[in-house]
Amino acid sequence: MAKYKSESALQTEKIGNILAKSIPYGSVIAMFGDLGAGKTAFTRGFAKGMGINCDVSSPTFALVNEYRGEKKTLYHFDMYRISGWDDLYSTGYFDYLDEGASLIIEWSENIEAILPEDCIRVEITKTENTDERIIDIIGAELIENPCN
């Protein structure tokens, strides 16, 4: 497990950006963290790290957003309102897994039992400082130190 301290949303994006460059395309990233922890900021940086330049927003109501670059696709899930198998199937989650694209999943707590064993876990924790976050990454090593 690697632990990073982010002191701003921009640093959180930078950590996401470096993770995207450090792992194989087609990986599943399971994100854990409270409301407002910075999961969408992390995803914004991750998309940029994949070479995808687009507006990244939380898919809270859409359940999944699709971001396409020239050669890569990222599916961004929000599992906040998923409370059972029927809800999960309605998102198309299993079909997206089979596509070979990268998936990043907010609120993975709600589907933890069916996450792929080899998924990369990103746990974002708020601290007493309003802008500071502790980001734990399990299952991947970053190719560079994001704190530089």
N, C-alpha and C. Protein backbone atom coordinates (compact mmCIF):
# COMPACT_ATOMS: atom_id res chain seq x y z
N MET A 1 0.85 -1.19 0.00
CA MET A 1 0.00 0.00 0.00
C MET A 1 0.89 1.24 0.00
N ALA A 2 0.51 2.20 -0.81
CA ALA A 2 1.20 3.48 -0.85
C ALA A 2 0.26 4.54 -0.29
N LYS A 3 0.81 5.47 0.48
CA LYS A 3 0.01 6.51 1.12
C LYS A 3 0.54 7.86 0.65
N TYR A 4 -0.39 8.74 0.25
CA TYR A 4 -0.05 10.07 -0.22
C TYR A 4 -0.90 11.10 0.50
N LYS A 5 -0.32 12.26 0.74
CA LYS A 5 -1.08 13.36 1.33
C LYS A 5 -1.30 14.41 0.24
N SER A 6 -2.56 14.75 0.02
CA SER A 6 -2.93 15.79 -0.93
C SER A 6 -3.39 16.99 -0.13
N GLU A 7 -2.90 18.16 -0.52
CA GLU A 7 -3.28 19.39 0.17
C GLU A 7 -4.22 20.26 -0.65
N SER A 8 -4.68 19.73 -1.80
CA SER A 8 -5.60 20.49 -2.65
C SER A 8 -6.25 19.56 -3.66
N ALA A 9 -7.31 20.04 -4.28
CA ALA A 9 -7.96 19.27 -5.34
C ALA A 9 -6.99 19.05 -6.51
N LEU A 10 -6.14 20.04 -6.79
CA LEU A 10 -5.17 19.90 -7.88
C LEU A 10 -4.16 18.79 -7.58
N GLN A 11 -3.73 18.66 -6.33
CA GLN A 11 -2.82 17.58 -5.98
C GLN A 11 -3.53 16.23 -6.06
N THR A 12 -4.79 16.19 -5.69
CA THR A 12 -5.56 14.95 -5.82
C THR A 12 -5.65 14.56 -7.29
N GLU A 13 -5.90 15.52 -8.17
CA GLU A 13 -5.92 15.25 -9.61
C GLU A 13 -4.57 14.74 -10.08
N LYS A 14 -3.49 15.33 -9.58
CA LYS A 14 -2.14 14.91 -9.99
C LYS A 14 -1.89 13.45 -9.61
N ILE A 15 -2.33 13.04 -8.44
CA ILE A 15 -2.15 11.65 -8.02
C ILE A 15 -2.94 10.73 -8.94
N GLY A 16 -4.16 11.12 -9.29
CA GLY A 16 -4.96 10.34 -10.24
C GLY A 16 -4.29 10.25 -11.60
N ASN A 17 -3.72 11.36 -12.05
CA ASN A 17 -3.03 11.43 -13.33
C ASN A 17 -1.86 10.45 -13.37
N ILE A 18 -1.06 10.45 -12.31
CA ILE A 18 0.11 9.57 -12.26
C ILE A 18 -0.32 8.11 -12.16
N LEU A 19 -1.39 7.82 -11.41
CA LEU A 19 -1.86 6.44 -11.34
C LEU A 19 -2.25 5.93 -12.72
N ALA A 20 -2.95 6.75 -13.50
CA ALA A 20 -3.38 6.33 -14.84
C ALA A 20 -2.18 5.97 -15.72
N LYS A 21 -1.08 6.68 -15.55
CA LYS A 21 0.12 6.42 -16.34
C LYS A 21 0.91 5.22 -15.81
N SER A 22 0.57 4.77 -14.60
CA SER A 22 1.34 3.72 -13.93
C SER A 22 0.75 2.33 -14.07
N ILE A 23 -0.47 2.24 -14.55
CA ILE A 23 -1.16 0.95 -14.58
C ILE A 23 -1.57 0.60 -16.00
N PRO A 24 -1.83 -0.67 -16.26
CA PRO A 24 -2.23 -1.07 -17.62
C PRO A 24 -3.63 -0.56 -17.97
N TYR A 25 -3.80 -0.25 -19.24
CA TYR A 25 -5.13 0.09 -19.75
C TYR A 25 -6.04 -1.11 -19.53
N GLY A 26 -7.26 -0.85 -19.14
CA GLY A 26 -8.22 -1.92 -18.88
C GLY A 26 -8.33 -2.27 -17.41
N SER A 27 -7.62 -1.55 -16.57
CA SER A 27 -7.68 -1.80 -15.13
C SER A 27 -9.01 -1.31 -14.55
N VAL A 28 -9.37 -1.90 -13.42
CA VAL A 28 -10.54 -1.46 -12.67
C VAL A 28 -10.04 -0.78 -11.40
N ILE A 29 -10.49 0.46 -11.20
CA ILE A 29 -10.10 1.23 -10.03
C ILE A 29 -11.33 1.39 -9.15
N ALA A 30 -11.26 0.85 -7.95
CA ALA A 30 -12.36 0.91 -6.99
C ALA A 30 -12.06 2.03 -6.00
N MET A 31 -12.92 3.03 -5.97
CA MET A 31 -12.69 4.19 -5.10
C MET A 31 -13.60 4.13 -3.88
N PHE A 32 -13.01 4.47 -2.75
CA PHE A 32 -13.71 4.48 -1.46
C PHE A 32 -13.49 5.84 -0.82
N GLY A 33 -14.52 6.40 -0.22
CA GLY A 33 -14.38 7.67 0.48
C GLY A 33 -15.72 8.34 0.70
N ASP A 34 -15.75 9.19 1.70
CA ASP A 34 -16.97 9.90 2.04
C ASP A 34 -17.38 10.89 0.96
N LEU A 35 -18.58 11.40 1.10
CA LEU A 35 -19.08 12.45 0.23
C LEU A 35 -18.14 13.66 0.32
N GLY A 36 -17.72 14.17 -0.81
CA GLY A 36 -16.83 15.32 -0.84
C GLY A 36 -15.37 15.01 -0.58
N ALA A 37 -15.01 13.74 -0.60
CA ALA A 37 -13.62 13.36 -0.31
C ALA A 37 -12.67 13.70 -1.45
N GLY A 38 -13.17 13.76 -2.67
CA GLY A 38 -12.31 14.07 -3.80
C GLY A 38 -12.26 12.99 -4.86
N LYS A 39 -13.23 12.09 -4.84
CA LYS A 39 -13.24 10.99 -5.81
C LYS A 39 -13.36 11.50 -7.25
N THR A 40 -14.19 12.49 -7.47
CA THR A 40 -14.35 13.02 -8.82
C THR A 40 -13.12 13.81 -9.25
N ALA A 41 -12.49 14.54 -8.34
CA ALA A 41 -11.24 15.23 -8.67
C ALA A 41 -10.17 14.21 -9.05
N PHE A 42 -10.08 13.12 -8.32
CA PHE A 42 -9.13 12.05 -8.63
C PHE A 42 -9.41 11.51 -10.04
N THR A 43 -10.68 11.29 -10.34
CA THR A 43 -11.08 10.77 -11.64
C THR A 43 -10.74 11.75 -12.76
N ARG A 44 -10.90 13.04 -12.51
CA ARG A 44 -10.54 14.05 -13.50
C ARG A 44 -9.06 13.93 -13.86
N GLY A 45 -8.20 13.78 -12.86
CA GLY A 45 -6.78 13.60 -13.12
C GLY A 45 -6.48 12.27 -13.79
N PHE A 46 -7.21 11.23 -13.41
CA PHE A 46 -7.01 9.91 -14.01
C PHE A 46 -7.32 9.96 -15.50
N ALA A 47 -8.42 10.59 -15.87
CA ALA A 47 -8.79 10.71 -17.29
C ALA A 47 -7.69 11.45 -18.06
N LYS A 48 -7.18 12.53 -17.51
CA LYS A 48 -6.11 13.27 -18.17
C LYS A 48 -4.87 12.40 -18.33
N GLY A 49 -4.57 11.60 -17.32
CA GLY A 49 -3.43 10.70 -17.39
C GLY A 49 -3.58 9.64 -18.46
N MET A 50 -4.82 9.32 -18.83
CA MET A 50 -5.09 8.38 -19.91
C MET A 50 -5.05 9.06 -21.28
N GLY A 51 -4.87 10.38 -21.28
CA GLY A 51 -4.88 11.11 -22.54
C GLY A 51 -6.27 11.53 -22.98
N ILE A 52 -7.20 11.53 -22.05
CA ILE A 52 -8.58 11.90 -22.36
C ILE A 52 -8.82 13.32 -21.84
N ASN A 53 -9.07 14.23 -22.74
CA ASN A 53 -9.32 15.62 -22.37
C ASN A 53 -10.80 15.92 -22.54
N CYS A 54 -11.52 15.92 -21.42
CA CYS A 54 -12.95 16.20 -21.46
C CYS A 54 -13.39 16.67 -20.08
N ASP A 55 -14.60 17.14 -20.00
CA ASP A 55 -15.15 17.53 -18.71
C ASP A 55 -15.56 16.28 -17.95
N VAL A 56 -15.00 16.11 -16.77
CA VAL A 56 -15.33 14.97 -15.92
C VAL A 56 -16.25 15.46 -14.82
N SER A 57 -17.39 14.81 -14.69
CA SER A 57 -18.32 15.17 -13.62
C SER A 57 -18.83 13.89 -12.97
N SER A 58 -19.33 14.05 -11.77
CA SER A 58 -19.85 12.88 -11.05
C SER A 58 -21.06 12.31 -11.78
N PRO A 59 -21.08 11.01 -11.99
CA PRO A 59 -22.22 10.39 -12.67
C PRO A 59 -23.34 10.00 -11.71
N THR A 60 -23.57 10.81 -10.69
CA THR A 60 -24.54 10.47 -9.65
C THR A 60 -25.90 10.09 -10.21
N PHE A 61 -26.42 10.85 -11.15
CA PHE A 61 -27.75 10.56 -11.67
C PHE A 61 -27.72 9.70 -12.92
N ALA A 62 -26.65 9.79 -13.69
CA ALA A 62 -26.53 8.97 -14.90
C ALA A 62 -26.06 7.56 -14.57
N LEU A 63 -25.43 7.37 -13.41
CA LEU A 63 -24.83 6.12 -12.94
C LEU A 63 -23.51 5.78 -13.61
N VAL A 64 -23.37 6.12 -14.91
CA VAL A 64 -22.09 5.89 -15.59
C VAL A 64 -21.89 6.98 -16.64
N ASN A 65 -20.67 7.52 -16.67
CA ASN A 65 -20.27 8.46 -17.71
C ASN A 65 -19.18 7.80 -18.54
N GLU A 66 -19.20 8.07 -19.82
CA GLU A 66 -18.22 7.51 -20.73
C GLU A 66 -17.33 8.65 -21.23
N TYR A 67 -16.02 8.45 -21.09
CA TYR A 67 -15.06 9.43 -21.57
C TYR A 67 -14.18 8.75 -22.60
N ARG A 68 -14.14 9.31 -23.80
CA ARG A 68 -13.37 8.71 -24.89
C ARG A 68 -12.21 9.60 -25.30
N GLY A 69 -11.05 8.97 -25.43
CA GLY A 69 -9.89 9.63 -26.00
C GLY A 69 -9.69 9.08 -27.40
N GLU A 70 -8.56 9.40 -28.01
CA GLU A 70 -8.29 8.90 -29.36
C GLU A 70 -8.15 7.38 -29.38
N LYS A 71 -7.53 6.82 -28.33
CA LYS A 71 -7.28 5.38 -28.33
C LYS A 71 -7.83 4.66 -27.11
N LYS A 72 -8.26 5.40 -26.12
CA LYS A 72 -8.68 4.78 -24.86
C LYS A 72 -10.04 5.29 -24.42
N THR A 73 -10.73 4.44 -23.65
CA THR A 73 -12.04 4.79 -23.10
C THR A 73 -12.02 4.55 -21.60
N LEU A 74 -12.65 5.45 -20.87
CA LEU A 74 -12.79 5.33 -19.43
C LEU A 74 -14.27 5.37 -19.09
N TYR A 75 -14.73 4.39 -18.33
CA TYR A 75 -16.11 4.38 -17.82
C TYR A 75 -16.06 4.74 -16.34
N HIS A 76 -16.82 5.76 -15.99
CA HIS A 76 -16.83 6.32 -14.64
C HIS A 76 -18.19 6.02 -14.00
N PHE A 77 -18.18 5.14 -13.03
CA PHE A 77 -19.41 4.71 -12.36
C PHE A 77 -19.59 5.41 -11.03
N ASP A 78 -20.85 5.60 -10.65
CA ASP A 78 -21.21 6.07 -9.32
C ASP A 78 -22.19 5.04 -8.76
N MET A 79 -21.74 4.30 -7.75
CA MET A 79 -22.56 3.22 -7.18
C MET A 79 -23.26 3.63 -5.89
N TYR A 80 -23.35 4.94 -5.66
CA TYR A 80 -23.94 5.45 -4.41
C TYR A 80 -25.36 4.90 -4.17
N ARG A 81 -26.16 4.88 -5.22
CA ARG A 81 -27.56 4.47 -5.06
C ARG A 81 -27.81 2.99 -5.36
N ILE A 82 -26.75 2.22 -5.52
CA ILE A 82 -26.89 0.79 -5.81
C ILE A 82 -27.11 0.05 -4.50
N SER A 83 -28.22 -0.67 -4.42
CA SER A 83 -28.53 -1.36 -3.16
C SER A 83 -28.83 -2.84 -3.35
N GLY A 84 -28.64 -3.36 -4.53
CA GLY A 84 -28.88 -4.78 -4.75
C GLY A 84 -28.50 -5.18 -6.15
N TRP A 85 -28.64 -6.48 -6.42
CA TRP A 85 -28.26 -7.03 -7.72
C TRP A 85 -29.03 -6.41 -8.87
N ASP A 86 -30.33 -6.18 -8.69
CA ASP A 86 -31.13 -5.60 -9.77
C ASP A 86 -30.61 -4.21 -10.14
N ASP A 87 -30.31 -3.40 -9.11
CA ASP A 87 -29.76 -2.07 -9.37
C ASP A 87 -28.43 -2.18 -10.11
N LEU A 88 -27.58 -3.10 -9.68
CA LEU A 88 -26.27 -3.26 -10.29
C LEU A 88 -26.39 -3.69 -11.75
N TYR A 89 -27.24 -4.67 -12.03
CA TYR A 89 -27.42 -5.12 -13.41
C TYR A 89 -27.93 -3.99 -14.30
N SER A 90 -28.77 -3.11 -13.75
CA SER A 90 -29.33 -2.02 -14.55
C SER A 90 -28.27 -1.02 -14.99
N THR A 91 -27.12 -0.98 -14.33
CA THR A 91 -26.06 -0.05 -14.72
C THR A 91 -25.28 -0.56 -15.93
N GLY A 92 -25.39 -1.84 -16.23
CA GLY A 92 -24.59 -2.43 -17.31
C GLY A 92 -23.17 -2.76 -16.88
N TYR A 93 -22.92 -2.72 -15.59
CA TYR A 93 -21.57 -2.91 -15.03
C TYR A 93 -20.86 -4.14 -15.60
N PHE A 94 -21.52 -5.27 -15.64
CA PHE A 94 -20.88 -6.51 -16.09
C PHE A 94 -20.53 -6.45 -17.57
N ASP A 95 -21.36 -5.79 -18.37
CA ASP A 95 -21.07 -5.61 -19.79
C ASP A 95 -19.84 -4.73 -19.97
N TYR A 96 -19.75 -3.68 -19.18
CA TYR A 96 -18.59 -2.78 -19.27
C TYR A 96 -17.30 -3.50 -18.87
N LEU A 97 -17.38 -4.37 -17.89
CA LEU A 97 -16.20 -5.15 -17.48
C LEU A 97 -15.64 -5.95 -18.65
N ASP A 98 -16.52 -6.47 -19.48
CA ASP A 98 -16.11 -7.32 -20.61
C ASP A 98 -15.53 -6.53 -21.78
N GLU A 99 -15.68 -5.20 -21.79
CA GLU A 99 -15.22 -4.39 -22.93
C GLU A 99 -13.71 -4.23 -22.98
N GLY A 100 -13.03 -4.39 -21.86
CA GLY A 100 -11.58 -4.21 -21.84
C GLY A 100 -11.13 -2.78 -21.64
N ALA A 101 -12.05 -1.86 -21.47
CA ALA A 101 -11.72 -0.46 -21.19
C ALA A 101 -11.40 -0.32 -19.70
N SER A 102 -10.88 0.83 -19.32
CA SER A 102 -10.64 1.11 -17.90
C SER A 102 -11.95 1.53 -17.24
N LEU A 103 -12.14 1.10 -16.00
CA LEU A 103 -13.31 1.48 -15.21
C LEU A 103 -12.83 2.13 -13.93
N ILE A 104 -13.47 3.21 -13.54
CA ILE A 104 -13.21 3.82 -12.25
C ILE A 104 -14.55 3.95 -11.55
N ILE A 105 -14.63 3.45 -10.33
CA ILE A 105 -15.92 3.26 -9.67
C ILE A 105 -15.95 4.01 -8.35
N GLU A 106 -16.80 5.03 -8.27
CA GLU A 106 -17.01 5.73 -7.00
C GLU A 106 -18.01 4.93 -6.17
N TRP A 107 -17.89 5.04 -4.86
CA TRP A 107 -18.76 4.35 -3.91
C TRP A 107 -18.67 2.84 -4.08
N SER A 108 -17.46 2.35 -4.22
CA SER A 108 -17.23 0.91 -4.38
C SER A 108 -17.63 0.12 -3.14
N GLU A 109 -17.80 0.80 -2.01
CA GLU A 109 -18.29 0.14 -0.80
C GLU A 109 -19.58 -0.62 -1.07
N ASN A 110 -20.39 -0.08 -1.97
CA ASN A 110 -21.71 -0.66 -2.23
C ASN A 110 -21.68 -1.90 -3.11
N ILE A 111 -20.54 -2.18 -3.75
CA ILE A 111 -20.45 -3.37 -4.60
C ILE A 111 -19.18 -4.17 -4.30
N GLU A 112 -18.65 -3.98 -3.12
CA GLU A 112 -17.35 -4.58 -2.79
C GLU A 112 -17.32 -6.09 -3.01
N ALA A 113 -18.42 -6.77 -2.77
CA ALA A 113 -18.45 -8.23 -2.89
C ALA A 113 -18.23 -8.71 -4.33
N ILE A 114 -18.48 -7.87 -5.32
CA ILE A 114 -18.34 -8.33 -6.71
C ILE A 114 -17.26 -7.56 -7.48
N LEU A 115 -16.40 -6.85 -6.76
CA LEU A 115 -15.27 -6.18 -7.43
C LEU A 115 -14.28 -7.24 -7.90
N PRO A 116 -13.63 -7.02 -9.03
CA PRO A 116 -12.61 -7.97 -9.48
C PRO A 116 -11.49 -8.09 -8.43
N GLU A 117 -10.98 -9.30 -8.26
CA GLU A 117 -9.93 -9.52 -7.27
C GLU A 117 -8.70 -8.67 -7.52
N ASP A 118 -8.41 -8.39 -8.79
CA ASP A 118 -7.21 -7.63 -9.13
C ASP A 118 -7.45 -6.13 -9.27
N CYS A 119 -8.58 -5.65 -8.77
CA CYS A 119 -8.85 -4.22 -8.89
C CYS A 119 -7.86 -3.43 -8.03
N ILE A 120 -7.67 -2.21 -8.41
CA ILE A 120 -6.82 -1.28 -7.67
C ILE A 120 -7.73 -0.49 -6.76
N ARG A 121 -7.41 -0.48 -5.47
CA ARG A 121 -8.22 0.21 -4.48
C ARG A 121 -7.63 1.59 -4.19
N VAL A 122 -8.48 2.60 -4.24
CA VAL A 122 -8.08 3.96 -3.90
C VAL A 122 -9.00 4.43 -2.79
N GLU A 123 -8.41 4.64 -1.62
CA GLU A 123 -9.18 5.08 -0.45
C GLU A 123 -8.79 6.52 -0.13
N ILE A 124 -9.78 7.41 -0.17
CA ILE A 124 -9.54 8.83 0.08
C ILE A 124 -10.21 9.20 1.39
N THR A 125 -9.41 9.76 2.29
CA THR A 125 -9.90 10.11 3.63
C THR A 125 -9.70 11.60 3.88
N LYS A 126 -10.75 12.26 4.35
CA LYS A 126 -10.66 13.66 4.74
C LYS A 126 -9.89 13.75 6.06
N THR A 127 -9.25 14.89 6.27
CA THR A 127 -8.58 15.16 7.54
C THR A 127 -9.24 16.38 8.18
N GLU A 128 -8.69 16.82 9.31
CA GLU A 128 -9.23 18.00 9.97
C GLU A 128 -9.03 19.27 9.15
N ASN A 129 -7.99 19.28 8.31
CA ASN A 129 -7.74 20.41 7.41
C ASN A 129 -8.71 20.30 6.24
N THR A 130 -9.46 21.32 5.96
CA THR A 130 -10.52 21.30 4.95
C THR A 130 -10.07 20.78 3.60
N ASP A 131 -8.89 21.17 3.13
CA ASP A 131 -8.43 20.81 1.79
C ASP A 131 -7.55 19.56 1.75
N GLU A 132 -7.16 19.07 2.89
CA GLU A 132 -6.20 17.95 2.93
C GLU A 132 -6.91 16.59 2.86
N ARG A 133 -6.28 15.68 2.12
CA ARG A 133 -6.79 14.32 2.00
C ARG A 133 -5.62 13.35 2.13
N ILE A 134 -5.89 12.19 2.68
CA ILE A 134 -4.95 11.08 2.68
C ILE A 134 -5.45 10.09 1.65
N ILE A 135 -4.59 9.73 0.71
CA ILE A 135 -4.97 8.83 -0.38
C ILE A 135 -4.12 7.57 -0.29
N ASP A 136 -4.78 6.46 -0.03
CA ASP A 136 -4.13 5.15 0.02
C ASP A 136 -4.41 4.42 -1.28
N ILE A 137 -3.36 3.92 -1.91
CA ILE A 137 -3.51 3.17 -3.16
C ILE A 137 -3.01 1.75 -2.89
N ILE A 138 -3.88 0.79 -3.12
CA ILE A 138 -3.57 -0.61 -2.87
C ILE A 138 -3.66 -1.37 -4.18
N GLY A 139 -2.57 -2.03 -4.55
CA GLY A 139 -2.58 -2.85 -5.76
C GLY A 139 -1.86 -2.23 -6.93
N ALA A 140 -1.19 -1.09 -6.72
CA ALA A 140 -0.45 -0.45 -7.81
C ALA A 140 0.66 0.42 -7.21
N GLU A 141 1.73 0.54 -7.96
CA GLU A 141 2.83 1.42 -7.60
C GLU A 141 2.87 2.56 -8.60
N LEU A 142 3.01 3.78 -8.12
CA LEU A 142 3.08 4.93 -9.01
C LEU A 142 4.48 5.04 -9.60
N ILE A 143 4.54 5.44 -10.87
CA ILE A 143 5.83 5.53 -11.57
C ILE A 143 6.63 6.76 -11.16
N GLU A 144 5.99 7.71 -10.49
CA GLU A 144 6.70 8.89 -9.99
C GLU A 144 6.02 9.35 -8.72
N ASN A 145 6.75 10.11 -7.94
CA ASN A 145 6.22 10.62 -6.68
C ASN A 145 5.35 11.84 -6.95
N PRO A 146 4.07 11.80 -6.62
CA PRO A 146 3.18 12.93 -6.92
C PRO A 146 3.41 14.12 -5.99
N CYS A 147 4.19 13.93 -4.97
CA CYS A 147 4.41 15.01 -4.00
C CYS A 147 5.54 15.94 -4.41
N ASN A 148 6.17 15.67 -5.53
CA ASN A 148 7.26 16.54 -6.02
C ASN A 148 6.71 17.67 -6.87
